[in-house]
Amino acid sequence: MSESNVDYNRIEVLEPVWKDNYVAIAANSSNEYVPYLSVYLESIKANACQNTNYDVVILEQSIKDENKRILKEAFETERNLSLRFFNPSVLFENTNLHISHYYLCKESYFRLSTPIIFAKYKRLIFTDIDLIFNNDPKILYDLDMSDSYVLSVIEPVWSAWVNTKAKITGIDIMDYSKNTIKIKDPHRYFNTGVMLMDIDKLNKNSFFEQFLSKLTNGVNYLYQDQDILNEVLDFNLGILPWEWNYEIIDEKAKKIANEEIREYCSNTNKSIIHWIGSNKPWVKPDKDLAYLWWQYARRTPYYEIILQRMFASVKNKSALSKEDFACVTSYRKNILAYWRYKLLSKITFGKRKEHYTTKRYLWKEKIKKAKKIRGGV
């Protein structure tokens, strides 16, 4: 491996629970997301084959011991099911774990550690937890990877953004694809919410070292670790069938009438259903296919907590003033305005400087208010 600041002697490498006939699955979560993690785990258990062993590991740094106990008891109801928790944060000391969107967290970067943590495994399924399995994970695990290091689905929304020259939070996606993450074909940008990973190949080519270098290069990535994986792996990625990461796309994206979106939405095979972005079924139970998520949610020990949070969210939203509502709905525009006024306040003088400084402060307060409201949702 190349030189780095990581002390590998401090790193524990996980041993597989079983010697053979197992499926290895990993995901990341925070303590706040435990109720939704429980739904994800329930979907794995419900679709698991009795003749196969399932070795599930959650990468985390904050889940409380009591929640770990509850989750293990709920999941390990059969001898072929194992659930463990692992904290890989030592691997990310002195790195920039930039949070790019309010619905993302630092734990999402933990997937970059998989080549090191799972070095004794041959392959691994790694997923987000805002999704459910509707089919046996073993089918995904056994797919032919050929020469690919990772299998993942092409992101249909990203491709649509490229075609329409869209800007997200002021960033031109085509320019960002070519000049920031430097992928050869912007239409091959992958969604890493579901990945089948060949651990041996990743380690033979020191990919963790390459991932880590991107966290110290000063770039604040638009979609965090997903952009890093796309940048480093690029054409070492193989295409996973859409049925293994069927994304619930918002209405704005559906209005972009390109072939990728039309083909994607007509796909009837949904072995994994993924509610990307802010389209969470626990916040918006009327979202597409959310009823399937709730079918699993009802079986978990956190069902009442999920309901309580949802009702509190509705109550908070209904109690919002027009001003507060505007702060939330104009969140991204307010961020752009804040940075504009911040820049102007730095390069002007006298009354103009005072004017722009005041504007900068006002927009900063709007952003803070929106973050506070969203934090309670």
Protein backbone atom coordinates (compact mmCIF):
# COMPACT_ATOMS: atom_id res chain seq x y z
CA MET A 1 0.00 0.00 0.00
CA SER A 2 1.06 3.60 -0.52
CA GLU A 3 2.13 5.77 2.39
CA SER A 4 -0.61 7.29 4.55
CA ASN A 5 -1.23 8.67 8.02
CA VAL A 6 -3.26 5.62 9.02
CA ASP A 7 -1.79 3.35 11.68
CA TYR A 8 -2.92 -0.05 10.41
CA ASN A 9 -1.83 -1.71 13.65
CA ARG A 10 -4.80 0.00 15.34
CA ILE A 11 -7.30 -1.43 12.89
CA GLU A 12 -9.32 -4.54 13.61
CA VAL A 13 -10.06 -6.73 10.61
CA LEU A 14 -13.35 -8.58 10.78
CA GLU A 15 -13.50 -12.35 10.50
CA PRO A 16 -16.45 -13.94 8.66
CA VAL A 17 -18.91 -15.56 11.06
CA TRP A 18 -19.17 -18.64 8.83
CA LYS A 19 -16.50 -20.39 6.76
CA ASP A 20 -18.73 -20.94 3.73
CA ASN A 21 -22.28 -20.75 2.40
CA TYR A 22 -22.80 -17.20 3.58
CA VAL A 23 -23.80 -13.80 2.22
CA ALA A 24 -21.89 -10.80 3.61
CA ILE A 25 -23.86 -7.56 3.87
CA ALA A 26 -22.77 -4.23 5.32
CA ALA A 27 -24.34 -0.81 5.79
CA ASN A 28 -23.72 2.33 7.81
CA SER A 29 -25.97 4.06 10.33
CA SER A 30 -26.09 6.65 13.10
CA ASN A 31 -28.01 6.24 16.36
CA GLU A 32 -30.65 8.66 15.09
CA TYR A 33 -31.40 6.34 12.17
CA VAL A 34 -31.76 3.18 14.28
CA PRO A 35 -35.58 2.94 13.83
CA TYR A 36 -35.14 3.01 10.04
CA LEU A 37 -32.19 0.64 10.26
CA SER A 38 -34.52 -1.82 11.98
CA VAL A 39 -36.85 -1.75 8.95
CA TYR A 40 -33.92 -2.40 6.61
CA LEU A 41 -32.83 -5.37 8.73
CA GLU A 42 -36.38 -6.73 8.84
CA SER A 43 -36.50 -6.72 5.04
CA ILE A 44 -33.28 -8.77 4.89
CA LYS A 45 -34.60 -11.27 7.43
CA ALA A 46 -37.95 -11.59 5.66
CA ASN A 47 -36.28 -12.44 2.33
CA ALA A 48 -33.44 -14.60 3.65
CA CYS A 49 -33.23 -18.22 2.54
CA GLN A 50 -33.14 -20.76 5.39
CA ASN A 51 -30.38 -22.71 3.63
CA THR A 52 -27.99 -19.74 3.51
CA ASN A 53 -26.14 -17.88 6.27
CA TYR A 54 -26.31 -14.06 6.46
CA ASP A 55 -23.39 -12.13 7.97
CA VAL A 56 -24.59 -8.54 8.47
CA VAL A 57 -22.32 -5.77 9.79
CA ILE A 58 -23.37 -2.18 10.57
CA LEU A 59 -20.59 0.41 10.45
CA GLU A 60 -21.29 3.07 13.08
CA GLN A 61 -19.78 5.30 15.76
CA SER A 62 -22.77 6.41 17.84
CA ILE A 63 -25.37 3.63 18.17
CA LYS A 64 -26.22 3.11 21.83
CA ASP A 65 -25.66 -0.29 23.44
CA GLU A 66 -29.36 -0.66 24.24
CA ASN A 67 -30.28 -0.12 20.60
CA LYS A 68 -27.66 -2.66 19.54
CA ARG A 69 -29.20 -5.19 21.93
CA ILE A 70 -32.72 -4.55 20.63
CA LEU A 71 -31.63 -4.78 17.00
CA LYS A 72 -29.70 -8.03 17.57
CA GLU A 73 -32.60 -9.66 19.39
CA ALA A 74 -35.03 -8.67 16.64
CA PHE A 75 -32.74 -9.84 13.81
CA GLU A 76 -31.06 -12.97 15.14
CA THR A 77 -34.22 -15.06 15.43
CA GLU A 78 -32.73 -17.89 13.35
CA ARG A 79 -29.34 -19.62 13.52
CA ASN A 80 -28.42 -18.51 10.00
CA LEU A 81 -28.66 -14.77 10.87
CA SER A 82 -25.85 -12.75 12.45
CA LEU A 83 -25.74 -9.01 13.21
CA ARG A 84 -22.62 -7.15 14.37
CA PHE A 85 -21.60 -3.51 14.82
CA PHE A 86 -18.21 -2.02 14.02
CA ASN A 87 -16.70 1.45 14.47
CA PRO A 88 -14.15 2.27 11.70
CA SER A 89 -13.72 5.96 12.64
CA VAL A 90 -10.01 5.49 13.42
CA LEU A 91 -9.48 5.18 9.67
CA PHE A 92 -10.84 8.68 9.09
CA GLU A 93 -8.82 10.70 11.57
CA ASN A 94 -7.49 13.99 10.14
CA THR A 95 -9.75 13.78 7.08
CA ASN A 96 -12.43 16.11 5.74
CA LEU A 97 -15.81 14.42 6.26
CA HIS A 98 -17.77 17.22 4.64
CA ILE A 99 -21.59 17.04 4.92
CA SER A 100 -23.10 18.16 1.63
CA HIS A 101 -26.86 17.68 2.27
CA TYR A 102 -28.97 17.78 5.43
CA TYR A 103 -30.20 14.19 4.95
CA LEU A 104 -26.64 12.81 4.79
CA CYS A 105 -24.28 12.10 7.68
CA LYS A 106 -20.58 11.47 8.35
CA GLU A 107 -21.21 7.75 8.75
CA SER A 108 -21.89 7.50 5.01
CA TYR A 109 -18.14 7.86 4.43
CA PHE A 110 -17.58 4.62 6.32
CA ARG A 111 -18.32 2.60 3.19
CA LEU A 112 -14.93 3.75 1.88
CA SER A 113 -13.29 1.61 4.59
CA THR A 114 -14.74 -1.69 3.36
CA PRO A 115 -11.59 -2.97 1.57
CA ILE A 116 -9.67 -2.75 4.87
CA ILE A 117 -12.35 -3.79 7.36
CA PHE A 118 -13.54 -6.74 5.25
CA ALA A 119 -10.10 -7.81 3.97
CA LYS A 120 -10.78 -11.44 4.96
CA TYR A 121 -13.93 -11.57 2.84
CA LYS A 122 -13.97 -12.27 -0.90
CA ARG A 123 -16.96 -10.12 -1.75
CA LEU A 124 -19.48 -7.92 0.01
CA ILE A 125 -22.88 -6.32 -0.53
CA PHE A 126 -22.81 -2.74 0.76
CA THR A 127 -25.99 -0.65 0.87
CA ASP A 128 -27.63 2.44 2.27
CA ILE A 129 -30.39 1.84 4.84
CA ASP A 130 -33.12 3.99 3.28
CA LEU A 131 -34.09 0.95 1.24
CA ILE A 132 -35.64 -2.49 1.57
CA PHE A 133 -34.85 -5.88 0.09
CA ASN A 134 -37.77 -7.47 -1.74
CA ASN A 135 -35.76 -10.49 -2.80
CA ASP A 136 -33.14 -12.81 -1.35
CA PRO A 137 -29.78 -10.97 -1.01
CA LYS A 138 -28.03 -14.20 -2.05
CA ILE A 139 -29.24 -13.69 -5.64
CA LEU A 140 -27.42 -10.35 -5.72
CA TYR A 141 -24.38 -11.77 -3.92
CA ASP A 142 -23.97 -14.55 -6.49
CA LEU A 143 -24.08 -12.34 -9.60
CA ASP A 144 -21.22 -12.68 -12.07
CA MET A 145 -18.80 -9.79 -11.55
CA SER A 146 -16.46 -10.70 -14.43
CA ASP A 147 -13.52 -8.25 -14.31
CA SER A 148 -15.37 -5.53 -12.39
CA TYR A 149 -14.21 -4.38 -8.98
CA VAL A 150 -17.67 -3.15 -8.02
CA LEU A 151 -21.15 -3.62 -9.48
CA SER A 152 -23.58 -0.71 -9.08
CA VAL A 153 -26.47 0.85 -11.01
CA ILE A 154 -26.13 3.82 -13.34
CA GLU A 155 -27.80 6.82 -11.71
CA PRO A 156 -30.69 7.80 -14.04
CA VAL A 157 -31.22 11.23 -12.48
CA TRP A 158 -27.55 12.19 -12.87
CA SER A 159 -27.67 11.23 -16.54
CA ALA A 160 -30.77 13.40 -16.96
CA TRP A 161 -29.01 16.31 -15.23
CA VAL A 162 -26.09 15.96 -17.64
CA ASN A 163 -28.41 15.93 -20.67
CA THR A 164 -30.30 19.03 -19.53
CA LYS A 165 -27.17 20.92 -18.35
CA ALA A 166 -28.70 21.15 -14.88
CA LYS A 167 -27.20 22.98 -11.91
CA ILE A 168 -27.52 21.57 -8.40
CA THR A 169 -26.90 24.07 -5.58
CA GLY A 170 -25.31 26.25 -8.24
CA ILE A 171 -22.97 23.53 -9.52
CA ASP A 172 -23.03 22.66 -13.23
CA ILE A 173 -23.29 18.85 -13.25
CA MET A 174 -21.61 18.37 -16.62
CA ASP A 175 -18.67 20.57 -15.63
CA TYR A 176 -18.50 18.94 -12.19
CA SER A 177 -18.48 15.46 -13.75
CA LYS A 178 -15.65 16.26 -16.14
CA ASN A 179 -13.48 18.64 -14.14
CA THR A 180 -14.04 17.88 -10.44
CA ILE A 181 -14.66 14.14 -10.14
CA LYS A 182 -13.15 13.63 -13.61
CA ILE A 183 -15.18 10.65 -14.75
CA LYS A 184 -14.63 9.74 -18.40
CA ASP A 185 -18.32 9.42 -19.23
CA PRO A 186 -20.76 11.53 -17.11
CA HIS A 187 -23.57 9.24 -18.26
CA ARG A 188 -21.91 6.36 -16.38
CA TYR A 189 -22.13 7.99 -12.95
CA PHE A 190 -23.14 5.28 -10.47
CA ASN A 191 -25.43 5.34 -7.45
CA THR A 192 -23.55 3.64 -4.62
CA GLY A 193 -26.61 3.01 -2.46
CA VAL A 194 -26.22 -0.66 -3.48
CA MET A 195 -22.84 -2.11 -4.38
CA LEU A 196 -21.53 -5.62 -4.88
CA MET A 197 -17.82 -5.35 -4.09
CA ASP A 198 -14.93 -7.67 -4.97
CA ILE A 199 -12.79 -7.14 -1.87
CA ASP A 200 -9.76 -9.04 -3.19
CA LYS A 201 -9.51 -6.87 -6.31
CA LEU A 202 -9.99 -3.64 -4.36
CA ASN A 203 -7.18 -4.51 -1.95
CA LYS A 204 -4.76 -5.73 -4.63
CA ASN A 205 -4.97 -2.25 -6.15
CA SER A 206 -4.85 -0.30 -2.84
CA PHE A 207 -8.21 1.36 -3.42
CA PHE A 208 -8.70 2.35 0.20
CA GLU A 209 -5.54 4.46 -0.01
CA GLN A 210 -6.95 6.14 -3.11
CA PHE A 211 -10.28 6.79 -1.39
CA LEU A 212 -8.50 8.27 1.61
CA SER A 213 -6.42 10.62 -0.52
CA LYS A 214 -9.62 12.21 -1.82
CA LEU A 215 -10.63 13.13 1.74
CA THR A 216 -7.51 15.24 2.13
CA ASN A 217 -7.47 17.01 -1.24
CA GLY A 218 -9.59 19.99 -0.14
CA VAL A 219 -12.58 19.21 -2.38
CA ASN A 220 -16.07 19.38 -0.83
CA TYR A 221 -17.85 16.75 -2.90
CA LEU A 222 -21.45 17.31 -3.95
CA TYR A 223 -22.54 13.80 -2.95
CA GLN A 224 -19.77 12.92 -0.52
CA ASP A 225 -18.42 9.36 -0.67
CA GLN A 226 -20.51 8.51 -3.73
CA ASP A 227 -18.59 11.06 -5.79
CA ILE A 228 -15.29 9.74 -4.43
CA LEU A 229 -16.18 6.17 -5.41
CA ASN A 230 -17.14 7.34 -8.90
CA GLU A 231 -13.93 9.33 -9.27
CA VAL A 232 -11.59 6.56 -8.12
CA LEU A 233 -13.31 3.53 -9.62
CA ASP A 234 -14.79 5.00 -12.81
CA PHE A 235 -14.52 2.30 -15.50
CA ASN A 236 -13.59 -0.38 -12.96
CA LEU A 237 -17.30 -0.27 -12.10
CA GLY A 238 -19.61 -2.83 -13.68
CA ILE A 239 -23.28 -2.21 -14.38
CA LEU A 240 -25.76 -3.71 -11.92
CA PRO A 241 -29.33 -4.32 -13.17
CA TRP A 242 -31.71 -1.57 -12.05
CA GLU A 243 -33.90 -4.05 -10.20
CA TRP A 244 -31.20 -4.21 -7.50
CA ASN A 245 -31.44 -0.49 -6.78
CA TYR A 246 -34.85 0.72 -7.91
CA GLU A 247 -34.87 4.38 -6.89
CA ILE A 248 -37.99 6.29 -5.96
CA ILE A 249 -37.53 9.43 -8.04
CA ASP A 250 -39.23 12.73 -7.20
CA GLU A 251 -41.67 14.40 -9.56
CA LYS A 252 -39.19 17.05 -10.70
CA ALA A 253 -36.82 14.36 -11.97
CA LYS A 254 -39.65 12.49 -13.68
CA LYS A 255 -40.47 15.60 -15.70
CA ILE A 256 -37.07 15.34 -17.37
CA ALA A 257 -38.21 13.27 -20.33
CA ASN A 258 -35.02 11.47 -21.31
CA GLU A 259 -34.80 7.80 -22.25
CA GLU A 260 -33.02 6.79 -19.04
CA ILE A 261 -35.87 8.05 -16.84
CA ARG A 262 -38.59 6.55 -19.06
CA GLU A 263 -36.89 3.15 -19.16
CA TYR A 264 -36.15 3.31 -15.44
CA CYS A 265 -39.73 4.09 -14.38
CA SER A 266 -41.11 1.31 -16.58
CA ASN A 267 -38.93 -1.30 -14.89
CA THR A 268 -41.23 -3.79 -13.15
CA ASN A 269 -38.56 -5.80 -11.30
CA LYS A 270 -37.89 -4.30 -7.89
CA SER A 271 -35.65 -6.60 -5.85
CA ILE A 272 -34.41 -3.58 -3.87
CA ILE A 273 -36.45 -0.38 -3.47
CA HIS A 274 -34.46 2.74 -2.58
CA TRP A 275 -35.99 6.05 -1.43
CA ILE A 276 -33.19 8.43 -2.43
CA GLY A 277 -32.67 12.03 -1.33
CA SER A 278 -35.37 13.49 0.87
CA ASN A 279 -38.04 11.09 -0.41
CA LYS A 280 -38.13 9.05 2.79
CA PRO A 281 -41.17 6.84 3.38
CA TRP A 282 -41.05 7.46 7.13
CA VAL A 283 -41.58 11.19 6.45
CA LYS A 284 -43.84 10.93 3.41
CA PRO A 285 -45.87 7.69 3.66
CA ASP A 286 -47.68 8.57 0.42
CA LYS A 287 -44.47 8.27 -1.65
CA ASP A 288 -44.33 5.63 -4.38
CA LEU A 289 -44.21 2.08 -2.96
CA ALA A 290 -43.92 3.42 0.60
CA TYR A 291 -46.60 0.94 1.66
CA LEU A 292 -44.05 -1.84 1.14
CA TRP A 293 -41.61 -0.13 3.52
CA TRP A 294 -44.38 0.23 6.12
CA GLN A 295 -45.22 -3.47 5.84
CA TYR A 296 -41.74 -4.21 7.20
CA ALA A 297 -41.86 -1.30 9.66
CA ARG A 298 -44.90 -2.78 11.43
CA ARG A 299 -42.86 -5.88 12.35
CA THR A 300 -40.05 -3.96 14.08
CA PRO A 301 -39.68 -3.04 17.78
CA TYR A 302 -39.39 0.62 16.72
CA TYR A 303 -42.74 0.92 14.93
CA GLU A 304 -44.29 3.20 17.55
CA ILE A 305 -41.21 5.44 17.55
CA ILE A 306 -41.36 5.72 13.77
CA LEU A 307 -45.02 6.76 14.01
CA GLN A 308 -44.27 9.22 16.80
CA ARG A 309 -41.56 10.89 14.74
CA MET A 310 -43.78 11.07 11.68
CA PHE A 311 -46.66 12.66 13.62
CA ALA A 312 -44.26 15.13 15.24
CA SER A 313 -42.97 16.00 11.78
CA VAL A 314 -46.50 16.70 10.51
CA LYS A 315 -47.30 18.77 13.61
CA ASN A 316 -44.13 20.84 13.22
CA LYS A 317 -44.84 21.48 9.57
CA SER A 318 -48.44 22.51 10.20
CA ALA A 319 -47.29 24.90 12.90
CA LEU A 320 -44.82 26.70 10.65
CA SER A 321 -45.38 30.38 9.97
CA LYS A 322 -45.27 31.62 6.39
CA GLU A 323 -41.84 33.06 7.09
CA ASP A 324 -40.51 29.77 8.48
CA PHE A 325 -42.05 27.84 5.60
CA ALA A 326 -40.32 30.16 3.13
CA CYS A 327 -36.99 29.61 4.91
CA VAL A 328 -37.31 25.86 4.41
CA THR A 329 -38.58 25.86 0.82
CA SER A 330 -35.97 28.43 -0.27
CA TYR A 331 -33.11 26.78 1.60
CA ARG A 332 -30.79 26.24 -1.37
CA LYS A 333 -31.53 29.66 -2.88
CA ASN A 334 -30.77 31.24 0.49
CA ILE A 335 -27.40 29.48 0.64
CA LEU A 336 -26.45 30.88 -2.76
CA ALA A 337 -27.62 34.34 -1.71
CA TYR A 338 -25.60 34.12 1.50
CA TRP A 339 -22.39 33.28 -0.34
CA ARG A 340 -23.05 36.04 -2.87
CA TYR A 341 -23.45 38.65 -0.13
CA LYS A 342 -20.47 37.26 1.77
CA LEU A 343 -18.28 37.71 -1.30
CA LEU A 344 -19.61 41.21 -1.97
CA SER A 345 -19.04 42.21 1.67
CA LYS A 346 -15.38 41.23 1.28
CA ILE A 347 -14.67 43.19 -1.91
CA THR A 348 -16.61 46.42 -1.26
CA PHE A 349 -16.10 49.39 1.05
CA GLY A 350 -18.07 51.98 3.00
CA LYS A 351 -21.87 51.95 2.85
CA ARG A 352 -21.93 49.22 0.22
CA LYS A 353 -19.86 47.01 2.51
CA GLU A 354 -22.26 47.71 5.39
CA HIS A 355 -25.26 46.96 3.15
CA TYR A 356 -23.86 43.62 1.97
CA THR A 357 -22.71 42.68 5.48
CA THR A 358 -26.26 43.21 6.74
CA LYS A 359 -27.68 41.15 3.87
CA ARG A 360 -25.13 38.43 4.59
CA TYR A 361 -26.22 38.30 8.23
CA LEU A 362 -29.95 38.17 7.35
CA TRP A 363 -29.49 35.28 4.92
CA LYS A 364 -27.27 33.47 7.40
CA GLU A 365 -30.10 33.65 9.96
CA LYS A 366 -32.56 32.26 7.39
CA ILE A 367 -30.25 29.33 6.74
CA LYS A 368 -29.82 28.68 10.48
CA LYS A 369 -33.59 28.77 10.97
CA ALA A 370 -34.16 26.33 8.10
CA LYS A 371 -31.55 23.93 9.52
CA LYS A 372 -33.20 24.07 12.93
CA ILE A 373 -36.66 23.35 11.46
CA ARG A 374 -35.31 20.50 9.29
CA GLY A 375 -33.45 19.07 12.25
CA GLY A 376 -36.74 18.61 14.05
CA VAL A 377 -38.35 16.88 11.09
